[in-house]
Amino acid sequence: MTGPGPLGTFLQARRARLRPADVGLRDLGPRRRVAGLRREELAQLAGVSVSYYARLEQGLSRGASAEVLDAIARALLLDDHEREHLDRLAGAARHTPRPRRPRPEKLTDETRDLLRAVDGVPALVLGRRTDVLAWNALGHALLAGHLDPLGPDDPALRPNMTRILFLDPHCRELYANWTRKARAVVGNLRIAVGRHPDDPLLAGLIGELTMRSPEFVALWADHRVAPCDAATYELRHPVVGTVTVTQQTLSIARSPDQALIVCTTPAGSSSEEALALLRQVSAGRTPHAISPGGKQRSACLLKTLPGMSVPVTASSTGWVQGSTRRKSH
């Protein structure tokens, strides 16, 4: 291994985040030549030798004990998620795996049944790299209506929610607070890297985003570690306008690397009404509207929906087009 590796890089980033005052040390002001704590200060707080801690950061020592990791975690003021991430990185540093290409992720029949059971709300199943393994019609219409609804069926064509969040202008415009969503996704991706440090496809995704997105580079360098469990976002949907949803991540018992994402709205809210309207619009955009070659047929739906002032068509560009104005009562 050359360079500090994931463990050393994480330790360096977290050390740079702390200031002397955060850990009860005297701040010498502008005379400090490093951002955050010095290595010797962190080593003193953790009760380890400076040379040993330096070797950990440089990737030269791979055998840190649980006691040493506990001491370093306390000195760095890591939260529970960061502490678990540190353990995973340290565990990965202890062995040299044989590189191999992972098999395509698959859905079990039970997971497909689960997705069908939540058909009343937008939902999708993500794999370990945030590839879309499946989505229901409403989940597709809400989050990526401009993409081929059958894309998840082909492992080579599966949309990746992290990639499109950073590189697809449609999805960038969807989130009113795109930066907040991007920060959450990157924090969750850090956890995936800690769990699967030898996944070449995951490394390839990070490499691609590093080359193509300056925003990703800045967020990735922060080394934030946090799961995407539940968060509320305001969406600016091109068909039904503003929708506020809570995106919740549910674990799948027999597929621990996969997650079911569901989007919910408060009962009786305008957002619930907007999703009901979107459900009607997307009802005609079922897989049979896709030609055998995989290309969407032109304008296959034309009707006036309740509450909308003009007809709505399924456009050849993907997003269903029409007026987003709901009639006043």
C-alpha atoms as a PDB file:
ATOM      1  CA  MET A   1       0.000   0.000   0.000  1.00  0.00           C
ATOM      2  CA  THR A   2       1.272   3.468  -0.879  1.00  0.00           C
ATOM      3  CA  GLY A   3       0.056   6.624   0.818  1.00  0.00           C
ATOM      4  CA  PRO A   4      -2.002   6.869   3.989  1.00  0.00           C
ATOM      5  CA  GLY A   5      -4.883   4.746   2.701  1.00  0.00           C
ATOM      6  CA  PRO A   6      -8.517   5.199   3.766  1.00  0.00           C
ATOM      7  CA  LEU A   7      -7.759   4.832   7.495  1.00  0.00           C
ATOM      8  CA  GLY A   8      -4.940   7.380   7.510  1.00  0.00           C
ATOM      9  CA  THR A   9      -6.868   9.831   5.369  1.00  0.00           C
ATOM     10  CA  PHE A  10      -9.872   9.633   7.674  1.00  0.00           C
ATOM     11  CA  LEU A  11      -7.717  10.202  10.776  1.00  0.00           C
ATOM     12  CA  GLN A  12      -6.020  13.194   9.151  1.00  0.00           C
ATOM     13  CA  ALA A  13      -9.337  14.746   8.142  1.00  0.00           C
ATOM     14  CA  ARG A  14     -10.859  14.320  11.576  1.00  0.00           C
ATOM     15  CA  ARG A  15      -7.753  15.676  13.313  1.00  0.00           C
ATOM     16  CA  ALA A  16      -7.825  18.753  11.067  1.00  0.00           C
ATOM     17  CA  ARG A  17     -11.446  19.350  12.038  1.00  0.00           C
ATOM     18  CA  LEU A  18     -10.662  19.831  15.738  1.00  0.00           C
ATOM     19  CA  ARG A  19      -9.371  23.008  17.350  1.00  0.00           C
ATOM     20  CA  PRO A  20      -7.350  23.035  20.596  1.00  0.00           C
ATOM     21  CA  ALA A  21     -10.222  24.649  22.463  1.00  0.00           C
ATOM     22  CA  ASP A  22     -12.496  21.748  21.454  1.00  0.00           C
ATOM     23  CA  VAL A  23     -10.410  19.343  23.566  1.00  0.00           C
ATOM     24  CA  GLY A  24      -9.362  21.676  26.377  1.00  0.00           C
ATOM     25  CA  LEU A  25      -5.949  22.666  25.037  1.00  0.00           C
ATOM     26  CA  ARG A  26      -4.505  26.149  24.899  1.00  0.00           C
ATOM     27  CA  ASP A  27      -4.767  27.811  21.477  1.00  0.00           C
ATOM     28  CA  LEU A  28      -1.538  29.568  20.486  1.00  0.00           C
ATOM     29  CA  GLY A  29      -3.381  31.635  17.892  1.00  0.00           C
ATOM     30  CA  PRO A  30      -1.900  32.554  14.506  1.00  0.00           C
ATOM     31  CA  ARG A  31       1.436  30.894  15.307  1.00  0.00           C
ATOM     32  CA  ARG A  32      -0.075  27.482  14.593  1.00  0.00           C
ATOM     33  CA  ARG A  33       1.036  26.244  11.190  1.00  0.00           C
ATOM     34  CA  VAL A  34      -1.430  23.364  10.865  1.00  0.00           C
ATOM     35  CA  ALA A  35      -5.202  23.233  10.618  1.00  0.00           C
ATOM     36  CA  GLY A  36      -6.660  21.561  13.671  1.00  0.00           C
ATOM     37  CA  LEU A  37      -4.684  19.546  16.184  1.00  0.00           C
ATOM     38  CA  ARG A  38      -1.063  18.564  15.751  1.00  0.00           C
ATOM     39  CA  ARG A  39      -0.220  14.874  15.657  1.00  0.00           C
ATOM     40  CA  GLU A  40       1.597  15.114  18.984  1.00  0.00           C
ATOM     41  CA  GLU A  41      -1.430  16.760  20.600  1.00  0.00           C
ATOM     42  CA  LEU A  42      -3.769  14.042  19.371  1.00  0.00           C
ATOM     43  CA  ALA A  43      -1.337  11.306  20.443  1.00  0.00           C
ATOM     44  CA  GLN A  44      -1.092  12.821  23.917  1.00  0.00           C
ATOM     45  CA  LEU A  45      -4.881  12.956  24.242  1.00  0.00           C
ATOM     46  CA  ALA A  46      -5.190   9.332  23.115  1.00  0.00           C
ATOM     47  CA  GLY A  47      -2.341   8.128  25.356  1.00  0.00           C
ATOM     48  CA  VAL A  48      -0.242   6.657  22.519  1.00  0.00           C
ATOM     49  CA  SER A  49       3.228   7.522  21.299  1.00  0.00           C
ATOM     50  CA  VAL A  50       3.598  10.184  18.641  1.00  0.00           C
ATOM     51  CA  SER A  51       5.574   7.839  16.390  1.00  0.00           C
ATOM     52  CA  TYR A  52       2.901   5.119  16.599  1.00  0.00           C
ATOM     53  CA  TYR A  53       0.074   7.515  15.806  1.00  0.00           C
ATOM     54  CA  ALA A  54       2.100   8.966  12.928  1.00  0.00           C
ATOM     55  CA  ARG A  55       2.513   5.466  11.476  1.00  0.00           C
ATOM     56  CA  LEU A  56      -1.248   4.954  11.645  1.00  0.00           C
ATOM     57  CA  GLU A  57      -1.896   8.153   9.697  1.00  0.00           C
ATOM     58  CA  GLN A  58       0.812   7.291   7.174  1.00  0.00           C
ATOM     59  CA  GLY A  59      -0.600   3.822   6.533  1.00  0.00           C
ATOM     60  CA  LEU A  60       2.521   2.127   7.910  1.00  0.00           C
ATOM     61  CA  SER A  61       0.812   0.374  10.824  1.00  0.00           C
ATOM     62  CA  ARG A  62      -2.213  -1.879  10.355  1.00  0.00           C
ATOM     63  CA  GLY A  63      -2.544  -3.617  13.695  1.00  0.00           C
ATOM     64  CA  ALA A  64      -4.241  -1.069  15.943  1.00  0.00           C
ATOM     65  CA  SER A  65      -5.997  -2.785  18.836  1.00  0.00           C
ATOM     66  CA  ALA A  66      -9.587  -2.106  19.857  1.00  0.00           C
ATOM     67  CA  GLU A  67      -8.309  -0.275  22.947  1.00  0.00           C
ATOM     68  CA  VAL A  68      -6.124   2.041  20.866  1.00  0.00           C
ATOM     69  CA  LEU A  69      -8.960   2.716  18.437  1.00  0.00           C
ATOM     70  CA  ASP A  70     -11.258   3.525  21.357  1.00  0.00           C
ATOM     71  CA  ALA A  71      -8.725   5.995  22.739  1.00  0.00           C
ATOM     72  CA  ILE A  72      -8.220   7.664  19.366  1.00  0.00           C
ATOM     73  CA  ALA A  73     -11.981   7.867  18.773  1.00  0.00           C
ATOM     74  CA  ARG A  74     -12.461   9.597  22.116  1.00  0.00           C
ATOM     75  CA  ALA A  75      -9.628  12.016  21.405  1.00  0.00           C
ATOM     76  CA  LEU A  76     -11.118  12.864  18.007  1.00  0.00           C
ATOM     77  CA  LEU A  77     -14.605  13.290  19.515  1.00  0.00           C
ATOM     78  CA  LEU A  78     -16.094  10.857  17.001  1.00  0.00           C
ATOM     79  CA  ASP A  79     -19.818  10.193  17.082  1.00  0.00           C
ATOM     80  CA  ASP A  80     -21.244   6.662  16.945  1.00  0.00           C
ATOM     81  CA  HIS A  81     -21.385   6.522  13.136  1.00  0.00           C
ATOM     82  CA  GLU A  82     -17.818   7.809  12.794  1.00  0.00           C
ATOM     83  CA  ARG A  83     -16.641   5.337  15.434  1.00  0.00           C
ATOM     84  CA  GLU A  84     -18.145   2.422  13.512  1.00  0.00           C
ATOM     85  CA  HIS A  85     -16.565   3.759  10.328  1.00  0.00           C
ATOM     86  CA  LEU A  86     -13.165   3.892  12.046  1.00  0.00           C
ATOM     87  CA  ASP A  87     -13.530   0.239  13.080  1.00  0.00           C
ATOM     88  CA  ARG A  88     -14.394  -0.802   9.529  1.00  0.00           C
ATOM     89  CA  LEU A  89     -11.431   1.064   8.052  1.00  0.00           C
ATOM     90  CA  ALA A  90      -9.056  -0.411  10.610  1.00  0.00           C
ATOM     91  CA  GLY A  91     -10.388  -3.894   9.940  1.00  0.00           C
ATOM     92  CA  ALA A  92      -9.953  -3.469   6.186  1.00  0.00           C
ATOM     93  CA  ALA A  93      -6.365  -2.259   6.683  1.00  0.00           C
ATOM     94  CA  ARG A  94      -5.423  -5.518   8.433  1.00  0.00           C
ATOM     95  CA  HIS A  95      -5.752  -7.702   5.355  1.00  0.00           C
ATOM     96  CA  THR A  96      -4.771  -7.559   1.699  1.00  0.00           C
ATOM     97  CA  PRO A  97      -7.703  -8.897  -0.328  1.00  0.00           C
ATOM     98  CA  ARG A  98      -7.582 -10.431  -3.768  1.00  0.00           C
ATOM     99  CA  PRO A  99      -9.268  -8.018  -6.189  1.00  0.00           C
ATOM    100  CA  ARG A 100     -12.277  -9.504  -7.938  1.00  0.00           C
ATOM    101  CA  ARG A 101     -15.199  -8.100  -9.850  1.00  0.00           C
ATOM    102  CA  PRO A 102     -18.409  -8.309  -7.816  1.00  0.00           C
ATOM    103  CA  ARG A 103     -21.452 -10.054  -9.221  1.00  0.00           C
ATOM    104  CA  PRO A 104     -24.439  -7.924 -10.291  1.00  0.00           C
ATOM    105  CA  GLU A 105     -26.813  -7.256  -7.431  1.00  0.00           C
ATOM    106  CA  LYS A 106     -30.170  -9.016  -7.623  1.00  0.00           C
ATOM    107  CA  LEU A 107     -33.524  -8.651  -5.935  1.00  0.00           C
ATOM    108  CA  THR A 108     -35.107 -11.527  -4.106  1.00  0.00           C
ATOM    109  CA  ASP A 109     -38.737 -12.351  -4.711  1.00  0.00           C
ATOM    110  CA  GLU A 110     -39.461 -11.234  -1.142  1.00  0.00           C
ATOM    111  CA  THR A 111     -38.003  -7.801  -1.851  1.00  0.00           C
ATOM    112  CA  ARG A 112     -40.101  -7.461  -5.000  1.00  0.00           C
ATOM    113  CA  ASP A 113     -43.157  -8.359  -2.937  1.00  0.00           C
ATOM    114  CA  LEU A 114     -42.177  -5.717  -0.391  1.00  0.00           C
ATOM    115  CA  LEU A 115     -41.857  -3.078  -3.103  1.00  0.00           C
ATOM    116  CA  ARG A 116     -45.239  -4.035  -4.500  1.00  0.00           C
ATOM    117  CA  ALA A 117     -46.771  -3.788  -1.012  1.00  0.00           C
ATOM    118  CA  VAL A 118     -45.819  -0.086  -0.751  1.00  0.00           C
ATOM    119  CA  ASP A 119     -47.152   0.781  -4.197  1.00  0.00           C
ATOM    120  CA  GLY A 120     -49.237   3.616  -2.748  1.00  0.00           C
ATOM    121  CA  VAL A 121     -46.141   5.750  -2.060  1.00  0.00           C
ATOM    122  CA  PRO A 122     -43.023   6.538  -4.118  1.00  0.00           C
ATOM    123  CA  ALA A 123     -40.479   3.803  -3.413  1.00  0.00           C
ATOM    124  CA  LEU A 124     -37.303   2.309  -4.808  1.00  0.00           C
ATOM    125  CA  VAL A 125     -34.692  -0.273  -3.843  1.00  0.00           C
ATOM    126  CA  LEU A 126     -31.035   0.780  -3.866  1.00  0.00           C
ATOM    127  CA  GLY A 127     -27.999  -1.470  -3.901  1.00  0.00           C
ATOM    128  CA  ARG A 128     -24.758  -0.980  -2.006  1.00  0.00           C
ATOM    129  CA  ARG A 129     -23.460   1.552  -4.582  1.00  0.00           C
ATOM    130  CA  THR A 130     -26.827   3.394  -4.759  1.00  0.00           C
ATOM    131  CA  ASP A 131     -27.711   1.697  -8.038  1.00  0.00           C
ATOM    132  CA  VAL A 132     -31.479   1.559  -8.561  1.00  0.00           C
ATOM    133  CA  LEU A 133     -32.344  -2.141  -8.452  1.00  0.00           C
ATOM    134  CA  ALA A 134     -36.092  -1.505  -8.778  1.00  0.00           C
ATOM    135  CA  TRP A 135     -38.661   1.250  -8.369  1.00  0.00           C
ATOM    136  CA  ASN A 136     -42.393   1.487  -8.486  1.00  0.00           C
ATOM    137  CA  ALA A 137     -44.174   3.727 -10.989  1.00  0.00           C
ATOM    138  CA  LEU A 138     -44.664   6.559  -8.515  1.00  0.00           C
ATOM    139  CA  GLY A 139     -41.067   6.443  -7.297  1.00  0.00           C
ATOM    140  CA  HIS A 140     -39.850   6.658 -10.875  1.00  0.00           C
ATOM    141  CA  ALA A 141     -42.228   9.512 -11.714  1.00  0.00           C
ATOM    142  CA  LEU A 142     -41.266  11.528  -8.628  1.00  0.00           C
ATOM    143  CA  LEU A 143     -37.485  11.156  -8.613  1.00  0.00           C
ATOM    144  CA  ALA A 144     -36.410  10.359 -12.171  1.00  0.00           C
ATOM    145  CA  GLY A 145     -39.330  10.549 -14.574  1.00  0.00           C
ATOM    146  CA  HIS A 146     -37.031  11.545 -17.439  1.00  0.00           C
ATOM    147  CA  LEU A 147     -35.176   8.212 -17.289  1.00  0.00           C
ATOM    148  CA  ASP A 148     -36.180   4.878 -18.799  1.00  0.00           C
ATOM    149  CA  PRO A 149     -38.514   3.174 -16.295  1.00  0.00           C
ATOM    150  CA  LEU A 150     -37.081  -0.209 -17.330  1.00  0.00           C
ATOM    151  CA  GLY A 151     -33.477   0.859 -16.698  1.00  0.00           C
ATOM    152  CA  PRO A 152     -33.170  -1.017 -13.370  1.00  0.00           C
ATOM    153  CA  ASP A 153     -33.965  -4.319 -15.105  1.00  0.00           C
ATOM    154  CA  ASP A 154     -30.594  -4.324 -16.899  1.00  0.00           C
ATOM    155  CA  PRO A 155     -27.519  -4.307 -14.597  1.00  0.00           C
ATOM    156  CA  ALA A 156     -25.518  -2.505 -17.293  1.00  0.00           C
ATOM    157  CA  LEU A 157     -28.079   0.313 -17.580  1.00  0.00           C
ATOM    158  CA  ARG A 158     -29.171   0.783 -13.987  1.00  0.00           C
ATOM    159  CA  PRO A 159     -29.419   4.432 -12.908  1.00  0.00           C
ATOM    160  CA  ASN A 160     -27.169   5.338 -10.007  1.00  0.00           C
ATOM    161  CA  MET A 161     -28.771   7.844  -7.651  1.00  0.00           C
ATOM    162  CA  THR A 162     -25.454   9.334  -6.538  1.00  0.00           C
ATOM    163  CA  ARG A 163     -24.261   9.792 -10.105  1.00  0.00           C
ATOM    164  CA  ILE A 164     -27.438  11.445 -11.330  1.00  0.00           C
ATOM    165  CA  LEU A 165     -27.635  13.667  -8.247  1.00  0.00           C
ATOM    166  CA  PHE A 166     -24.278  15.220  -9.128  1.00  0.00           C
ATOM    167  CA  LEU A 167     -24.222  14.918 -12.921  1.00  0.00           C
ATOM    168  CA  ASP A 168     -27.849  15.047 -14.128  1.00  0.00           C
ATOM    169  CA  PRO A 169     -29.247  18.606 -14.322  1.00  0.00           C
ATOM    170  CA  HIS A 170     -32.830  17.303 -14.008  1.00  0.00           C
ATOM    171  CA  CYS A 171     -32.117  15.811 -10.582  1.00  0.00           C
ATOM    172  CA  ARG A 172     -30.032  18.783  -9.500  1.00  0.00           C
ATOM    173  CA  GLU A 173     -32.996  21.062 -10.160  1.00  0.00           C
ATOM    174  CA  LEU A 174     -35.396  18.698  -8.392  1.00  0.00           C
ATOM    175  CA  TYR A 175     -34.111  19.461  -4.879  1.00  0.00           C
ATOM    176  CA  ALA A 176     -34.756  22.950  -3.533  1.00  0.00           C
ATOM    177  CA  ASN A 177     -31.776  22.494  -1.199  1.00  0.00           C
ATOM    178  CA  TRP A 178     -29.530  20.422  -3.423  1.00  0.00           C
ATOM    179  CA  THR A 179     -26.444  20.950  -1.259  1.00  0.00           C
ATOM    180  CA  ARG A 180     -28.125  19.441   1.794  1.00  0.00           C
ATOM    181  CA  LYS A 181     -29.200  16.379  -0.178  1.00  0.00           C
ATOM    182  CA  ALA A 182     -25.745  16.013  -1.740  1.00  0.00           C
ATOM    183  CA  ARG A 183     -24.052  16.219   1.668  1.00  0.00           C
ATOM    184  CA  ALA A 184     -26.310  13.463   3.007  1.00  0.00           C
ATOM    185  CA  VAL A 185     -25.643  11.201   0.030  1.00  0.00           C
ATOM    186  CA  VAL A 186     -21.876  11.632   0.295  1.00  0.00           C
ATOM    187  CA  GLY A 187     -21.953  10.924   4.034  1.00  0.00           C
ATOM    188  CA  ASN A 188     -23.815   7.700   3.345  1.00  0.00           C
ATOM    189  CA  LEU A 189     -21.421   6.795   0.523  1.00  0.00           C
ATOM    190  CA  ARG A 190     -18.536   7.039   3.009  1.00  0.00           C
ATOM    191  CA  ILE A 191     -20.186   4.292   5.036  1.00  0.00           C
ATOM    192  CA  ALA A 192     -20.483   2.108   1.919  1.00  0.00           C
ATOM    193  CA  VAL A 193     -16.771   2.550   1.182  1.00  0.00           C
ATOM    194  CA  GLY A 194     -15.912   1.540   4.732  1.00  0.00           C
ATOM    195  CA  ARG A 195     -18.014  -1.609   4.409  1.00  0.00           C
ATOM    196  CA  HIS A 196     -16.760  -2.492   0.931  1.00  0.00           C
ATOM    197  CA  PRO A 197     -13.252  -1.017   0.579  1.00  0.00           C
ATOM    198  CA  ASP A 198     -12.296  -3.484  -2.152  1.00  0.00           C
ATOM    199  CA  ASP A 199     -15.314  -3.016  -4.433  1.00  0.00           C
ATOM    200  CA  PRO A 200     -13.864  -1.893  -7.786  1.00  0.00           C
ATOM    201  CA  LEU A 201     -17.213  -0.644  -9.095  1.00  0.00           C
ATOM    202  CA  LEU A 202     -17.682   1.521  -6.017  1.00  0.00           C
ATOM    203  CA  ALA A 203     -14.146   2.847  -6.429  1.00  0.00           C
ATOM    204  CA  GLY A 204     -14.906   3.528 -10.083  1.00  0.00           C
ATOM    205  CA  LEU A 205     -18.019   5.530  -9.169  1.00  0.00           C
ATOM    206  CA  ILE A 206     -16.034   7.680  -6.742  1.00  0.00           C
ATOM    207  CA  GLY A 207     -13.295   8.146  -9.323  1.00  0.00           C
ATOM    208  CA  GLU A 208     -15.787   9.241 -11.969  1.00  0.00           C
ATOM    209  CA  LEU A 209     -17.448  11.762  -9.661  1.00  0.00           C
ATOM    210  CA  THR A 210     -14.058  13.068  -8.554  1.00  0.00           C
ATOM    211  CA  MET A 211     -13.156  13.780 -12.179  1.00  0.00           C
ATOM    212  CA  ARG A 212     -16.496  15.295 -13.184  1.00  0.00           C
ATOM    213  CA  SER A 213     -17.925  17.108 -10.157  1.00  0.00           C
ATOM    214  CA  PRO A 214     -16.044  19.773  -8.155  1.00  0.00           C
ATOM    215  CA  GLU A 215     -18.923  19.765  -5.644  1.00  0.00           C
ATOM    216  CA  PHE A 216     -18.411  16.060  -5.015  1.00  0.00           C
ATOM    217  CA  VAL A 217     -14.674  16.589  -4.527  1.00  0.00           C
ATOM    218  CA  ALA A 218     -15.307  19.234  -1.854  1.00  0.00           C
ATOM    219  CA  LEU A 219     -17.862  17.131   0.017  1.00  0.00           C
ATOM    220  CA  TRP A 220     -15.801  13.937  -0.240  1.00  0.00           C
ATOM    221  CA  ALA A 221     -12.753  15.698   1.211  1.00  0.00           C
ATOM    222  CA  ASP A 222     -14.765  16.548   4.334  1.00  0.00           C
ATOM    223  CA  HIS A 223     -14.905  12.827   5.307  1.00  0.00           C
ATOM    224  CA  ARG A 224     -18.368  13.244   6.783  1.00  0.00           C
ATOM    225  CA  VAL A 225     -19.850   9.919   7.869  1.00  0.00           C
ATOM    226  CA  ALA A 226     -23.611   9.709   8.364  1.00  0.00           C
ATOM    227  CA  PRO A 227     -26.326   7.296   7.235  1.00  0.00           C
ATOM    228  CA  CYS A 228     -29.282   8.420   5.154  1.00  0.00           C
ATOM    229  CA  ASP A 229     -31.965   7.246   7.564  1.00  0.00           C
ATOM    230  CA  ALA A 230     -34.782   9.821   7.376  1.00  0.00           C
ATOM    231  CA  ALA A 231     -34.834  13.390   6.092  1.00  0.00           C
ATOM    232  CA  THR A 232     -37.415  15.824   4.749  1.00  0.00           C
ATOM    233  CA  TYR A 233     -36.803  17.548   1.412  1.00  0.00           C
ATOM    234  CA  GLU A 234     -38.656  20.086  -0.673  1.00  0.00           C
ATOM    235  CA  LEU A 235     -38.862  18.945  -4.284  1.00  0.00           C
ATOM    236  CA  ARG A 236     -39.579  21.211  -7.246  1.00  0.00           C
ATOM    237  CA  HIS A 237     -41.236  18.731  -9.530  1.00  0.00           C
ATOM    238  CA  PRO A 238     -41.658  19.711 -13.207  1.00  0.00           C
ATOM    239  CA  VAL A 239     -45.183  18.283 -13.346  1.00  0.00           C
ATOM    240  CA  VAL A 240     -46.917  18.850  -9.998  1.00  0.00           C
ATOM    241  CA  GLY A 241     -44.855  21.702  -8.586  1.00  0.00           C
ATOM    242  CA  THR A 242     -43.581  21.901  -5.015  1.00  0.00           C
ATOM    243  CA  VAL A 243     -43.767  18.664  -3.033  1.00  0.00           C
ATOM    244  CA  THR A 244     -42.375  18.149   0.469  1.00  0.00           C
ATOM    245  CA  VAL A 245     -41.549  14.519   1.206  1.00  0.00           C
ATOM    246  CA  THR A 246     -39.804  12.605   3.943  1.00  0.00           C
ATOM    247  CA  GLN A 247     -37.392  10.099   2.457  1.00  0.00           C
ATOM    248  CA  GLN A 248     -36.983   7.130   4.794  1.00  0.00           C
ATOM    249  CA  THR A 249     -34.434   4.346   4.413  1.00  0.00           C
ATOM    250  CA  LEU A 250     -35.548   0.888   5.532  1.00  0.00           C
ATOM    251  CA  SER A 251     -33.184  -2.056   5.830  1.00  0.00           C
ATOM    252  CA  ILE A 252     -34.004  -5.323   4.075  1.00  0.00           C
ATOM    253  CA  ALA A 253     -33.495  -8.291   6.383  1.00  0.00           C
ATOM    254  CA  ARG A 254     -32.190 -10.872   3.898  1.00  0.00           C
ATOM    255  CA  SER A 255     -30.258  -8.368   1.777  1.00  0.00           C
ATOM    256  CA  PRO A 256     -28.256  -6.198   4.200  1.00  0.00           C
ATOM    257  CA  ASP A 257     -26.483  -4.325   1.391  1.00  0.00           C
ATOM    258  CA  GLN A 258     -29.808  -3.199  -0.076  1.00  0.00           C
ATOM    259  CA  ALA A 259     -32.254  -0.585   1.195  1.00  0.00           C
ATOM    260  CA  LEU A 260     -35.879   0.285   0.533  1.00  0.00           C
ATOM    261  CA  ILE A 261     -36.386   4.040   0.161  1.00  0.00           C
ATOM    262  CA  VAL A 262     -39.921   5.322   0.655  1.00  0.00           C
ATOM    263  CA  CYS A 263     -41.186   8.898   0.304  1.00  0.00           C
ATOM    264  CA  THR A 264     -44.062   9.903   2.550  1.00  0.00           C
ATOM    265  CA  THR A 265     -46.138  13.066   2.994  1.00  0.00           C
ATOM    266  CA  PRO A 266     -48.308  14.319   5.878  1.00  0.00           C
ATOM    267  CA  ALA A 267     -51.925  13.227   5.676  1.00  0.00           C
ATOM    268  CA  GLY A 268     -54.201  15.843   4.160  1.00  0.00           C
ATOM    269  CA  SER A 269     -51.326  18.051   3.012  1.00  0.00           C
ATOM    270  CA  SER A 270     -50.932  19.753  -0.343  1.00  0.00           C
ATOM    271  CA  SER A 271     -47.956  17.460  -0.942  1.00  0.00           C
ATOM    272  CA  GLU A 272     -50.180  14.415  -0.517  1.00  0.00           C
ATOM    273  CA  GLU A 273     -52.547  15.947  -3.060  1.00  0.00           C
ATOM    274  CA  ALA A 274     -49.652  16.542  -5.441  1.00  0.00           C
ATOM    275  CA  LEU A 275     -48.554  12.907  -5.206  1.00  0.00           C
ATOM    276  CA  ALA A 276     -52.124  11.770  -5.870  1.00  0.00           C
ATOM    277  CA  LEU A 277     -52.114  13.912  -8.982  1.00  0.00           C
ATOM    278  CA  LEU A 278     -48.735  12.527 -10.047  1.00  0.00           C
ATOM    279  CA  ARG A 279     -50.059   9.003  -9.546  1.00  0.00           C
ATOM    280  CA  GLN A 280     -52.839   9.693 -12.026  1.00  0.00           C
ATOM    281  CA  VAL A 281     -50.440  11.214 -14.525  1.00  0.00           C
ATOM    282  CA  SER A 282     -47.960   8.363 -14.278  1.00  0.00           C
ATOM    283  CA  ALA A 283     -50.636   5.651 -14.461  1.00  0.00           C
ATOM    284  CA  GLY A 284     -50.311   5.559 -18.241  1.00  0.00           C
ATOM    285  CA  ARG A 285     -46.522   5.333 -18.187  1.00  0.00           C
ATOM    286  CA  THR A 286     -46.257   1.622 -17.524  1.00  0.00           C
ATOM    287  CA  PRO A 287     -43.640  -0.736 -18.997  1.00  0.00           C
ATOM    288  CA  HIS A 288     -45.912  -1.608 -21.913  1.00  0.00           C
ATOM    289  CA  ALA A 289     -45.409   1.976 -23.119  1.00  0.00           C
ATOM    290  CA  ILE A 290     -41.794   1.097 -23.847  1.00  0.00           C
ATOM    291  CA  SER A 291     -40.958  -0.337 -27.235  1.00  0.00           C
ATOM    292  CA  PRO A 292     -39.052  -3.646 -27.494  1.00  0.00           C
ATOM    293  CA  GLY A 293     -35.905  -1.704 -28.355  1.00  0.00           C
ATOM    294  CA  GLY A 294     -36.083   0.148 -25.037  1.00  0.00           C
ATOM    295  CA  LYS A 295     -37.089   3.559 -26.440  1.00  0.00           C
ATOM    296  CA  GLN A 296     -40.153   5.306 -25.168  1.00  0.00           C
ATOM    297  CA  ARG A 297     -42.988   5.747 -27.615  1.00  0.00           C
ATOM    298  CA  SER A 298     -44.083   9.277 -28.351  1.00  0.00           C
ATOM    299  CA  ALA A 299     -47.158  10.877 -26.752  1.00  0.00           C
ATOM    300  CA  CYS A 300     -48.947   7.760 -25.593  1.00  0.00           C
ATOM    301  CA  LEU A 301     -51.166   9.503 -23.053  1.00  0.00           C
ATOM    302  CA  LEU A 302     -53.489  12.413 -23.591  1.00  0.00           C
ATOM    303  CA  LYS A 303     -56.178  13.265 -21.104  1.00  0.00           C
ATOM    304  CA  THR A 304     -57.373  15.928 -18.733  1.00  0.00           C
ATOM    305  CA  LEU A 305     -56.948  15.037 -15.104  1.00  0.00           C
ATOM    306  CA  PRO A 306     -59.148  16.231 -12.267  1.00  0.00           C
ATOM    307  CA  GLY A 307     -57.820  19.449 -10.806  1.00  0.00           C
ATOM    308  CA  MET A 308     -55.636  20.329 -13.811  1.00  0.00           C
ATOM    309  CA  SER A 309     -56.436  23.054 -16.269  1.00  0.00           C
ATOM    310  CA  VAL A 310     -54.983  21.541 -19.459  1.00  0.00           C
ATOM    311  CA  PRO A 311     -54.453  18.046 -20.894  1.00  0.00           C
ATOM    312  CA  VAL A 312     -51.314  16.166 -19.906  1.00  0.00           C
ATOM    313  CA  THR A 313     -49.159  14.169 -22.306  1.00  0.00           C
ATOM    314  CA  ALA A 314     -46.408  11.638 -21.818  1.00  0.00           C
ATOM    315  CA  SER A 315     -43.670  13.470 -23.662  1.00  0.00           C
ATOM    316  CA  SER A 316     -40.974  11.759 -25.677  1.00  0.00           C
ATOM    317  CA  THR A 317     -38.428  13.629 -23.545  1.00  0.00           C
ATOM    318  CA  GLY A 318     -39.357  11.636 -20.468  1.00  0.00           C
ATOM    319  CA  TRP A 319     -40.987  13.953 -17.913  1.00  0.00           C
ATOM    320  CA  VAL A 320     -44.762  14.035 -18.286  1.00  0.00           C
ATOM    321  CA  GLN A 321     -45.645  17.510 -19.478  1.00  0.00           C
ATOM    322  CA  GLY A 322     -48.603  19.688 -18.618  1.00  0.00           C
ATOM    323  CA  SER A 323     -49.845  22.477 -16.423  1.00  0.00           C
ATOM    324  CA  THR A 324     -48.934  22.234 -12.743  1.00  0.00           C
ATOM    325  CA  ARG A 325     -51.728  24.573 -11.732  1.00  0.00           C
ATOM    326  CA  ARG A 326     -54.398  22.933  -9.606  1.00  0.00           C
ATOM    327  CA  LYS A 327     -57.852  24.390  -9.924  1.00  0.00           C
ATOM    328  CA  SER A 328     -59.080  26.456  -7.055  1.00  0.00           C
ATOM    329  CA  HIS A 329     -62.250  25.371  -5.322  1.00  0.00           C
END
